[in-house]
Amino acid sequence: MLVDSHCHLDFPDFEEERDAIVARANDAGVETMVTISTRVNQFGKIRSIAESYDCVWCSIGTHPHNADEELAISADQLVEMAESHPKVVAIGEAGLDYFYDKAPREAQAESFRRHIDAARRTALPLVIHSRDADDDMIAILTEEMGKGAFPAILHCFSSGRELALAGIKLGLHVSFSGILTFKKSEEIREIAREIPAERLLVETDSPYLAPVPKRGKRNEPSYVVNTAKVLAETRGVSFEEIAATTTENFYRLFSKVDRKRAAS
C-alpha cells in the first residue's frame, strides 16, 4: 500500500470526477491521501472533502502565494481549527516561494512563522513549501527549531542538497513528487539517495507535476505509484520496500490519522 501525502482534491481540476479519482487511487493501492490547504478562508471545502471519504484527510494553512491575503489569521486560530476537527492532520502548506514572489517576502516569512508556532503547539506536521529560498528557509527553520522542536516535511522537494541535509539535521522529513522522475532531475535523484530511509515520503502534489510516463497530463493521487517506483530504482531497493517504508513513515509522522479508518 502507498500514501499520497500531498494532493489538492479541492482544486477545480478534480471537481467533476472526484469520486472516480479517489476510487482509482484506492484501486492502485493508495490507501490514504492528504488534501492540502492553500487558503484558510477556503477551509470549508477542504473539510467537506475530507469528511466525504474515509481515506482522505486534510491540513489547515496558507500557501506562501496567499500569505498577504491571510495575515489576519493568527497561530491561535490555526491551532483551534486544527484541534477542533478529527480530519485535520497537518498544518500548512506554508513557507517561502521566491520563484514566483506572488506575496511580499516579509508577509511570507511572517505567515510561515505563525504556522511553525501552530505546528509546535499541536505537534501536527508542518507541510513546508520552499522554492528558490534555500538560505532564508534554512535560517528560519534553524532559528525556530531552537525555540522548540516541531515536526515538519519539506514537501515536493526540488531545492538544493544543503537544504535537504539541513532539514534532516533538524529532524525534518523530505517528500518527493513526480519531479523525481523527470529526465533532467538527476540532482534531485542524487539527493534522494542520501536521505535516510526513515525520513522519506512520496506525494503527487496533484493536479500538478504528473510523473513519467504520465508527464504532461493532469496529475492525480493514483500516479504516486510511478514516483514510488522511480524512488525505489534510485535507491536500489524494491518497490515493495519503498512502499512499506514511506507508508510507515507517513503514519508515524501523521500520527493523528486513523489508519484503520483510512484502510477500511
C-alpha atoms as a PDB file:
ATOM      1  CA  MET A   1       0.000   0.000   0.000  1.00  0.00           C
ATOM      2  CA  LEU A   2       1.021   3.609  -0.568  1.00  0.00           C
ATOM      3  CA  VAL A   3       0.105   7.037   0.761  1.00  0.00           C
ATOM      4  CA  ASP A   4      -0.189  10.259  -1.226  1.00  0.00           C
ATOM      5  CA  SER A   5       0.969  12.658   1.461  1.00  0.00           C
ATOM      6  CA  HIS A   6       0.157  15.799  -0.536  1.00  0.00           C
ATOM      7  CA  CYS A   7      -2.572  16.442  -3.105  1.00  0.00           C
ATOM      8  CA  HIS A   8      -5.171  19.141  -3.792  1.00  0.00           C
ATOM      9  CA  LEU A   9      -8.527  17.415  -4.206  1.00  0.00           C
ATOM     10  CA  ASP A  10     -10.361  20.737  -3.769  1.00  0.00           C
ATOM     11  CA  PHE A  11      -8.896  22.218  -6.948  1.00  0.00           C
ATOM     12  CA  PRO A  12     -11.248  22.747  -9.926  1.00  0.00           C
ATOM     13  CA  ASP A  13      -9.335  20.154 -11.981  1.00  0.00           C
ATOM     14  CA  PHE A  14     -10.961  17.417  -9.879  1.00  0.00           C
ATOM     15  CA  GLU A  15     -14.414  18.904  -9.441  1.00  0.00           C
ATOM     16  CA  GLU A  16     -16.278  16.770 -11.972  1.00  0.00           C
ATOM     17  CA  GLU A  17     -14.854  13.354 -11.072  1.00  0.00           C
ATOM     18  CA  ARG A  18     -13.585  13.428  -7.515  1.00  0.00           C
ATOM     19  CA  ASP A  19     -15.284  10.147  -6.603  1.00  0.00           C
ATOM     20  CA  ALA A  20     -13.644   8.392  -9.555  1.00  0.00           C
ATOM     21  CA  ILE A  21     -10.232   9.884  -8.735  1.00  0.00           C
ATOM     22  CA  VAL A  22     -10.372   8.638  -5.151  1.00  0.00           C
ATOM     23  CA  ALA A  23     -11.566   5.227  -6.376  1.00  0.00           C
ATOM     24  CA  ARG A  24      -8.705   4.988  -8.897  1.00  0.00           C
ATOM     25  CA  ALA A  25      -6.230   5.817  -6.157  1.00  0.00           C
ATOM     26  CA  ASN A  26      -7.614   3.054  -3.946  1.00  0.00           C
ATOM     27  CA  ASP A  27      -7.537   0.604  -6.864  1.00  0.00           C
ATOM     28  CA  ALA A  28      -3.873   1.483  -7.441  1.00  0.00           C
ATOM     29  CA  GLY A  29      -3.046   0.651  -3.820  1.00  0.00           C
ATOM     30  CA  VAL A  30      -3.094   4.197  -2.445  1.00  0.00           C
ATOM     31  CA  GLU A  31      -4.858   3.708   0.860  1.00  0.00           C
ATOM     32  CA  THR A  32      -4.603   7.251   2.214  1.00  0.00           C
ATOM     33  CA  MET A  33      -4.499  10.778   0.777  1.00  0.00           C
ATOM     34  CA  VAL A  34      -3.981  14.147   2.452  1.00  0.00           C
ATOM     35  CA  THR A  35      -5.623  17.059   0.648  1.00  0.00           C
ATOM     36  CA  ILE A  36      -3.671  20.185   1.458  1.00  0.00           C
ATOM     37  CA  SER A  37      -4.996  23.615   2.361  1.00  0.00           C
ATOM     38  CA  THR A  38      -3.718  26.681   0.494  1.00  0.00           C
ATOM     39  CA  ARG A  39      -6.138  29.234   1.960  1.00  0.00           C
ATOM     40  CA  VAL A  40      -7.592  29.077   5.470  1.00  0.00           C
ATOM     41  CA  ASN A  41     -10.540  31.114   4.245  1.00  0.00           C
ATOM     42  CA  GLN A  42     -11.483  28.251   1.927  1.00  0.00           C
ATOM     43  CA  PHE A  43     -11.101  25.558   4.548  1.00  0.00           C
ATOM     44  CA  GLY A  44     -14.796  24.669   4.469  1.00  0.00           C
ATOM     45  CA  LYS A  45     -14.409  22.968   1.101  1.00  0.00           C
ATOM     46  CA  ILE A  46     -11.279  21.076   2.167  1.00  0.00           C
ATOM     47  CA  ARG A  47     -13.011  19.887   5.326  1.00  0.00           C
ATOM     48  CA  SER A  48     -16.077  18.757   3.386  1.00  0.00           C
ATOM     49  CA  ILE A  49     -13.952  16.670   1.010  1.00  0.00           C
ATOM     50  CA  ALA A  50     -12.090  15.026   3.884  1.00  0.00           C
ATOM     51  CA  GLU A  51     -15.363  14.249   5.610  1.00  0.00           C
ATOM     52  CA  SER A  52     -16.716  12.597   2.437  1.00  0.00           C
ATOM     53  CA  TYR A  53     -14.075   9.851   2.221  1.00  0.00           C
ATOM     54  CA  ASP A  54     -12.673   7.626   4.966  1.00  0.00           C
ATOM     55  CA  CYS A  55      -9.324   7.529   3.143  1.00  0.00           C
ATOM     56  CA  VAL A  56      -8.926  11.312   2.779  1.00  0.00           C
ATOM     57  CA  TRP A  57      -7.547  13.649   5.453  1.00  0.00           C
ATOM     58  CA  CYS A  58      -6.617  17.306   5.309  1.00  0.00           C
ATOM     59  CA  SER A  59      -4.456  20.150   6.564  1.00  0.00           C
ATOM     60  CA  ILE A  60      -5.129  23.752   7.560  1.00  0.00           C
ATOM     61  CA  GLY A  61      -2.919  26.582   6.359  1.00  0.00           C
ATOM     62  CA  THR A  62      -1.974  29.338   3.933  1.00  0.00           C
ATOM     63  CA  HIS A  63       0.263  28.835   0.897  1.00  0.00           C
ATOM     64  CA  PRO A  64       3.065  31.433   0.638  1.00  0.00           C
ATOM     65  CA  HIS A  65       1.486  32.716  -2.593  1.00  0.00           C
ATOM     66  CA  ASN A  66      -1.512  33.782  -0.488  1.00  0.00           C
ATOM     67  CA  ALA A  67       0.332  34.894   2.649  1.00  0.00           C
ATOM     68  CA  ASP A  68      -0.538  38.579   2.384  1.00  0.00           C
ATOM     69  CA  GLU A  69      -4.245  37.749   1.984  1.00  0.00           C
ATOM     70  CA  GLU A  70      -4.438  35.986   5.360  1.00  0.00           C
ATOM     71  CA  LEU A  71      -2.130  37.850   7.723  1.00  0.00           C
ATOM     72  CA  ALA A  72      -5.100  38.452   9.992  1.00  0.00           C
ATOM     73  CA  ILE A  73      -5.198  34.711  10.748  1.00  0.00           C
ATOM     74  CA  SER A  74      -3.279  34.027  13.936  1.00  0.00           C
ATOM     75  CA  ALA A  75      -1.448  30.960  15.175  1.00  0.00           C
ATOM     76  CA  ASP A  76      -4.176  30.650  17.822  1.00  0.00           C
ATOM     77  CA  GLN A  77      -6.788  30.331  15.088  1.00  0.00           C
ATOM     78  CA  LEU A  78      -4.742  27.708  13.235  1.00  0.00           C
ATOM     79  CA  VAL A  79      -4.385  25.730  16.456  1.00  0.00           C
ATOM     80  CA  GLU A  80      -8.084  25.953  17.240  1.00  0.00           C
ATOM     81  CA  MET A  81      -9.137  24.859  13.758  1.00  0.00           C
ATOM     82  CA  ALA A  82      -6.643  22.005  13.719  1.00  0.00           C
ATOM     83  CA  GLU A  83      -7.611  20.678  17.128  1.00  0.00           C
ATOM     84  CA  SER A  84     -11.357  21.033  16.641  1.00  0.00           C
ATOM     85  CA  HIS A  85     -11.681  18.611  13.727  1.00  0.00           C
ATOM     86  CA  PRO A  86     -10.557  14.962  13.700  1.00  0.00           C
ATOM     87  CA  LYS A  87      -9.741  15.023   9.984  1.00  0.00           C
ATOM     88  CA  VAL A  88      -7.181  17.852  10.232  1.00  0.00           C
ATOM     89  CA  VAL A  89      -3.853  16.039  10.479  1.00  0.00           C
ATOM     90  CA  ALA A  90      -1.297  18.673   9.438  1.00  0.00           C
ATOM     91  CA  ILE A  91      -0.516  22.393   9.377  1.00  0.00           C
ATOM     92  CA  GLY A  92       0.152  24.166   6.069  1.00  0.00           C
ATOM     93  CA  GLU A  93       1.197  24.256   3.430  1.00  0.00           C
ATOM     94  CA  ALA A  94       3.236  27.294   4.334  1.00  0.00           C
ATOM     95  CA  GLY A  95       6.720  28.526   3.603  1.00  0.00           C
ATOM     96  CA  LEU A  96       8.685  30.659   1.173  1.00  0.00           C
ATOM     97  CA  ASP A  97       8.420  30.954  -2.605  1.00  0.00           C
ATOM     98  CA  TYR A  98      10.889  33.371  -4.183  1.00  0.00           C
ATOM     99  CA  PHE A  99      10.441  31.934  -7.674  1.00  0.00           C
ATOM    100  CA  TYR A 100       7.021  33.478  -8.256  1.00  0.00           C
ATOM    101  CA  ASP A 101       7.124  36.080  -5.438  1.00  0.00           C
ATOM    102  CA  LYS A 102       3.329  36.358  -5.534  1.00  0.00           C
ATOM    103  CA  ALA A 103       3.298  37.713  -1.968  1.00  0.00           C
ATOM    104  CA  PRO A 104       5.789  40.074  -0.323  1.00  0.00           C
ATOM    105  CA  ARG A 105       8.653  38.132   1.217  1.00  0.00           C
ATOM    106  CA  GLU A 106       8.070  39.750   4.601  1.00  0.00           C
ATOM    107  CA  ALA A 107       4.462  38.511   4.557  1.00  0.00           C
ATOM    108  CA  GLN A 108       5.591  35.021   3.583  1.00  0.00           C
ATOM    109  CA  ALA A 109       8.046  34.880   6.476  1.00  0.00           C
ATOM    110  CA  GLU A 110       5.521  36.200   8.990  1.00  0.00           C
ATOM    111  CA  SER A 111       2.897  33.704   7.896  1.00  0.00           C
ATOM    112  CA  PHE A 112       5.448  30.883   7.887  1.00  0.00           C
ATOM    113  CA  ARG A 113       6.493  31.591  11.468  1.00  0.00           C
ATOM    114  CA  ARG A 114       2.847  31.526  12.589  1.00  0.00           C
ATOM    115  CA  HIS A 115       2.414  28.124  11.005  1.00  0.00           C
ATOM    116  CA  ILE A 116       5.570  26.894  12.712  1.00  0.00           C
ATOM    117  CA  ASP A 117       4.127  28.087  16.031  1.00  0.00           C
ATOM    118  CA  ALA A 118       0.895  26.203  15.334  1.00  0.00           C
ATOM    119  CA  ALA A 119       2.787  23.024  14.394  1.00  0.00           C
ATOM    120  CA  ARG A 120       4.860  23.245  17.556  1.00  0.00           C
ATOM    121  CA  ARG A 121       1.778  23.688  19.743  1.00  0.00           C
ATOM    122  CA  THR A 122      -0.340  20.983  18.100  1.00  0.00           C
ATOM    123  CA  ALA A 123       2.504  18.517  17.382  1.00  0.00           C
ATOM    124  CA  LEU A 124       0.995  18.140  13.899  1.00  0.00           C
ATOM    125  CA  PRO A 125       3.460  18.012  10.997  1.00  0.00           C
ATOM    126  CA  LEU A 126       4.087  21.286   9.192  1.00  0.00           C
ATOM    127  CA  VAL A 127       3.920  20.939   5.412  1.00  0.00           C
ATOM    128  CA  ILE A 128       6.649  23.229   4.068  1.00  0.00           C
ATOM    129  CA  HIS A 129       6.667  24.787   0.606  1.00  0.00           C
ATOM    130  CA  SER A 130      10.119  26.058  -0.347  1.00  0.00           C
ATOM    131  CA  ARG A 131      11.178  27.284  -3.772  1.00  0.00           C
ATOM    132  CA  ASP A 132      14.271  29.332  -4.625  1.00  0.00           C
ATOM    133  CA  ALA A 133      14.539  30.351  -0.961  1.00  0.00           C
ATOM    134  CA  ASP A 134      17.036  27.855   0.440  1.00  0.00           C
ATOM    135  CA  ASP A 135      19.162  30.235   2.504  1.00  0.00           C
ATOM    136  CA  ASP A 136      16.243  32.002   4.165  1.00  0.00           C
ATOM    137  CA  MET A 137      14.451  28.688   4.698  1.00  0.00           C
ATOM    138  CA  ILE A 138      17.460  27.186   6.469  1.00  0.00           C
ATOM    139  CA  ALA A 139      17.836  30.320   8.601  1.00  0.00           C
ATOM    140  CA  ILE A 140      14.182  30.387   9.693  1.00  0.00           C
ATOM    141  CA  LEU A 141      13.982  26.659  10.360  1.00  0.00           C
ATOM    142  CA  THR A 142      17.188  26.710  12.398  1.00  0.00           C
ATOM    143  CA  GLU A 143      16.074  29.723  14.430  1.00  0.00           C
ATOM    144  CA  GLU A 144      12.571  28.383  15.049  1.00  0.00           C
ATOM    145  CA  MET A 145      13.724  24.873  15.914  1.00  0.00           C
ATOM    146  CA  GLY A 146      15.900  26.496  18.563  1.00  0.00           C
ATOM    147  CA  LYS A 147      12.732  27.824  20.210  1.00  0.00           C
ATOM    148  CA  GLY A 148      11.263  24.337  20.470  1.00  0.00           C
ATOM    149  CA  ALA A 149      11.012  21.308  18.219  1.00  0.00           C
ATOM    150  CA  PHE A 150       8.186  20.777  15.737  1.00  0.00           C
ATOM    151  CA  PRO A 151       7.536  18.029  13.162  1.00  0.00           C
ATOM    152  CA  ALA A 152       7.774  19.072   9.513  1.00  0.00           C
ATOM    153  CA  ILE A 153       8.086  17.946   5.887  1.00  0.00           C
ATOM    154  CA  LEU A 154       9.946  19.575   3.032  1.00  0.00           C
ATOM    155  CA  HIS A 155       7.227  18.791   0.527  1.00  0.00           C
ATOM    156  CA  CYS A 156       7.675  18.283  -3.240  1.00  0.00           C
ATOM    157  CA  PHE A 157      11.409  18.591  -2.798  1.00  0.00           C
ATOM    158  CA  SER A 158      13.104  20.454  -5.651  1.00  0.00           C
ATOM    159  CA  SER A 159      15.671  22.506  -3.748  1.00  0.00           C
ATOM    160  CA  GLY A 160      19.383  22.087  -3.182  1.00  0.00           C
ATOM    161  CA  ARG A 161      21.328  19.478  -1.263  1.00  0.00           C
ATOM    162  CA  GLU A 162      22.204  21.965   1.500  1.00  0.00           C
ATOM    163  CA  LEU A 163      18.537  22.490   2.388  1.00  0.00           C
ATOM    164  CA  ALA A 164      17.832  18.756   2.303  1.00  0.00           C
ATOM    165  CA  LEU A 165      20.698  17.952   4.666  1.00  0.00           C
ATOM    166  CA  ALA A 166      19.886  20.899   6.935  1.00  0.00           C
ATOM    167  CA  GLY A 167      16.321  19.653   7.122  1.00  0.00           C
ATOM    168  CA  ILE A 168      17.434  16.151   8.025  1.00  0.00           C
ATOM    169  CA  LYS A 169      19.749  17.533  10.718  1.00  0.00           C
ATOM    170  CA  LEU A 170      16.792  19.446  12.186  1.00  0.00           C
ATOM    171  CA  GLY A 171      14.625  16.316  12.216  1.00  0.00           C
ATOM    172  CA  LEU A 172      12.500  17.002   9.143  1.00  0.00           C
ATOM    173  CA  HIS A 173      11.155  14.552   6.576  1.00  0.00           C
ATOM    174  CA  VAL A 174      11.616  15.003   2.825  1.00  0.00           C
ATOM    175  CA  SER A 175       8.849  14.217   0.343  1.00  0.00           C
ATOM    176  CA  PHE A 176       9.411  13.542  -3.344  1.00  0.00           C
ATOM    177  CA  SER A 177       6.905  14.192  -6.117  1.00  0.00           C
ATOM    178  CA  GLY A 178       6.795  13.473  -9.841  1.00  0.00           C
ATOM    179  CA  ILE A 179       9.747  15.838 -10.291  1.00  0.00           C
ATOM    180  CA  LEU A 180      11.913  12.914  -9.164  1.00  0.00           C
ATOM    181  CA  THR A 181      11.003  11.059 -12.362  1.00  0.00           C
ATOM    182  CA  PHE A 182      11.838  13.848 -14.819  1.00  0.00           C
ATOM    183  CA  LYS A 183      14.781  13.263 -17.173  1.00  0.00           C
ATOM    184  CA  LYS A 184      16.617  16.409 -16.030  1.00  0.00           C
ATOM    185  CA  SER A 185      16.157  15.710 -12.299  1.00  0.00           C
ATOM    186  CA  GLU A 186      19.356  13.731 -11.687  1.00  0.00           C
ATOM    187  CA  GLU A 187      20.409  16.194  -8.978  1.00  0.00           C
ATOM    188  CA  ILE A 188      17.137  15.521  -7.142  1.00  0.00           C
ATOM    189  CA  ARG A 189      17.644  11.783  -7.518  1.00  0.00           C
ATOM    190  CA  GLU A 190      21.149  12.136  -6.072  1.00  0.00           C
ATOM    191  CA  ILE A 191      19.656  13.898  -3.053  1.00  0.00           C
ATOM    192  CA  ALA A 192      17.008  11.175  -2.755  1.00  0.00           C
ATOM    193  CA  ARG A 193      19.778   8.595  -2.444  1.00  0.00           C
ATOM    194  CA  GLU A 194      21.198  10.447   0.565  1.00  0.00           C
ATOM    195  CA  ILE A 195      18.028  10.864   2.601  1.00  0.00           C
ATOM    196  CA  PRO A 196      17.774   8.375   5.485  1.00  0.00           C
ATOM    197  CA  ALA A 197      15.110   5.791   4.731  1.00  0.00           C
ATOM    198  CA  GLU A 198      13.143   6.703   7.859  1.00  0.00           C
ATOM    199  CA  ARG A 199      12.697  10.288   6.611  1.00  0.00           C
ATOM    200  CA  LEU A 200      11.316   9.548   3.120  1.00  0.00           C
ATOM    201  CA  LEU A 201       7.797  10.318   1.888  1.00  0.00           C
ATOM    202  CA  VAL A 202       6.147  10.327  -1.539  1.00  0.00           C
ATOM    203  CA  GLU A 203       3.402  12.537  -2.912  1.00  0.00           C
ATOM    204  CA  THR A 204       1.803  13.766  -6.114  1.00  0.00           C
ATOM    205  CA  ASP A 205       1.125  17.475  -5.444  1.00  0.00           C
ATOM    206  CA  SER A 206      -1.670  16.762  -7.915  1.00  0.00           C
ATOM    207  CA  PRO A 207      -3.107  18.132 -10.113  1.00  0.00           C
ATOM    208  CA  TYR A 208       0.426  19.334 -10.880  1.00  0.00           C
ATOM    209  CA  LEU A 209       3.702  17.595 -11.802  1.00  0.00           C
ATOM    210  CA  ALA A 210       2.480  14.281 -13.185  1.00  0.00           C
ATOM    211  CA  PRO A 211       5.347  11.756 -13.114  1.00  0.00           C
ATOM    212  CA  VAL A 212       6.812   9.981 -16.111  1.00  0.00           C
ATOM    213  CA  PRO A 213       5.157   8.277 -18.035  1.00  0.00           C
ATOM    214  CA  LYS A 214       2.123  10.478 -17.290  1.00  0.00           C
ATOM    215  CA  ARG A 215       4.022  13.749 -17.655  1.00  0.00           C
ATOM    216  CA  GLY A 216       2.021  16.417 -19.459  1.00  0.00           C
ATOM    217  CA  LYS A 217      -1.281  15.049 -18.196  1.00  0.00           C
ATOM    218  CA  ARG A 218      -3.269  16.193 -15.211  1.00  0.00           C
ATOM    219  CA  ASN A 219      -1.786  14.507 -12.174  1.00  0.00           C
ATOM    220  CA  GLU A 220      -3.855  12.530  -9.657  1.00  0.00           C
ATOM    221  CA  PRO A 221      -3.199  10.526  -6.459  1.00  0.00           C
ATOM    222  CA  SER A 222      -3.030   7.137  -8.199  1.00  0.00           C
ATOM    223  CA  TYR A 223       0.116   8.309 -10.012  1.00  0.00           C
ATOM    224  CA  VAL A 224       2.098   8.324  -6.761  1.00  0.00           C
ATOM    225  CA  VAL A 225       2.837   4.710  -7.665  1.00  0.00           C
ATOM    226  CA  ASN A 226       5.018   5.928 -10.547  1.00  0.00           C
ATOM    227  CA  THR A 227       7.033   8.209  -8.287  1.00  0.00           C
ATOM    228  CA  ALA A 228       7.488   5.448  -5.718  1.00  0.00           C
ATOM    229  CA  LYS A 229       8.804   3.090  -8.422  1.00  0.00           C
ATOM    230  CA  VAL A 230      11.439   5.622  -9.510  1.00  0.00           C
ATOM    231  CA  LEU A 231      12.379   6.298  -5.885  1.00  0.00           C
ATOM    232  CA  ALA A 232      12.904   2.557  -5.421  1.00  0.00           C
ATOM    233  CA  GLU A 233      15.067   2.345  -8.552  1.00  0.00           C
ATOM    234  CA  THR A 234      17.025   5.414  -7.454  1.00  0.00           C
ATOM    235  CA  ARG A 235      17.820   3.899  -4.069  1.00  0.00           C
ATOM    236  CA  GLY A 236      18.437   0.396  -5.377  1.00  0.00           C
ATOM    237  CA  VAL A 237      15.650  -1.290  -3.430  1.00  0.00           C
ATOM    238  CA  SER A 238      12.401  -2.982  -4.352  1.00  0.00           C
ATOM    239  CA  PHE A 239       9.163  -1.136  -4.959  1.00  0.00           C
ATOM    240  CA  GLU A 240       7.621  -3.128  -2.117  1.00  0.00           C
ATOM    241  CA  GLU A 241      10.294  -1.889   0.280  1.00  0.00           C
ATOM    242  CA  ILE A 242       9.787   1.762  -0.702  1.00  0.00           C
ATOM    243  CA  ALA A 243       6.025   1.386  -0.428  1.00  0.00           C
ATOM    244  CA  ALA A 244       6.327  -0.109   3.052  1.00  0.00           C
ATOM    245  CA  THR A 245       8.941   2.406   4.195  1.00  0.00           C
ATOM    246  CA  THR A 246       7.161   5.544   3.015  1.00  0.00           C
ATOM    247  CA  THR A 247       3.824   4.309   4.314  1.00  0.00           C
ATOM    248  CA  GLU A 248       5.179   3.543   7.773  1.00  0.00           C
ATOM    249  CA  ASN A 249       7.000   6.886   7.816  1.00  0.00           C
ATOM    250  CA  PHE A 250       3.761   8.630   6.961  1.00  0.00           C
ATOM    251  CA  TYR A 251       1.720   7.062   9.749  1.00  0.00           C
ATOM    252  CA  ARG A 252       4.450   7.679  12.271  1.00  0.00           C
ATOM    253  CA  LEU A 253       4.664  11.359  11.312  1.00  0.00           C
ATOM    254  CA  PHE A 254       0.955  11.971  10.657  1.00  0.00           C
ATOM    255  CA  SER A 255       0.060  10.339  13.935  1.00  0.00           C
ATOM    256  CA  LYS A 256      -3.444  11.807  14.035  1.00  0.00           C
ATOM    257  CA  VAL A 257      -4.503   9.728  11.030  1.00  0.00           C
ATOM    258  CA  ASP A 258      -6.641   6.756  11.992  1.00  0.00           C
ATOM    259  CA  ARG A 259      -5.015   4.048   9.869  1.00  0.00           C
ATOM    260  CA  LYS A 260      -7.795   1.540  10.377  1.00  0.00           C
ATOM    261  CA  ARG A 261     -10.364   4.046   9.176  1.00  0.00           C
ATOM    262  CA  ALA A 262      -8.195   5.067   6.222  1.00  0.00           C
ATOM    263  CA  ALA A 263      -7.725   1.471   5.074  1.00  0.00           C
ATOM    264  CA  SER A 264     -11.357   0.433   5.590  1.00  0.00           C
END
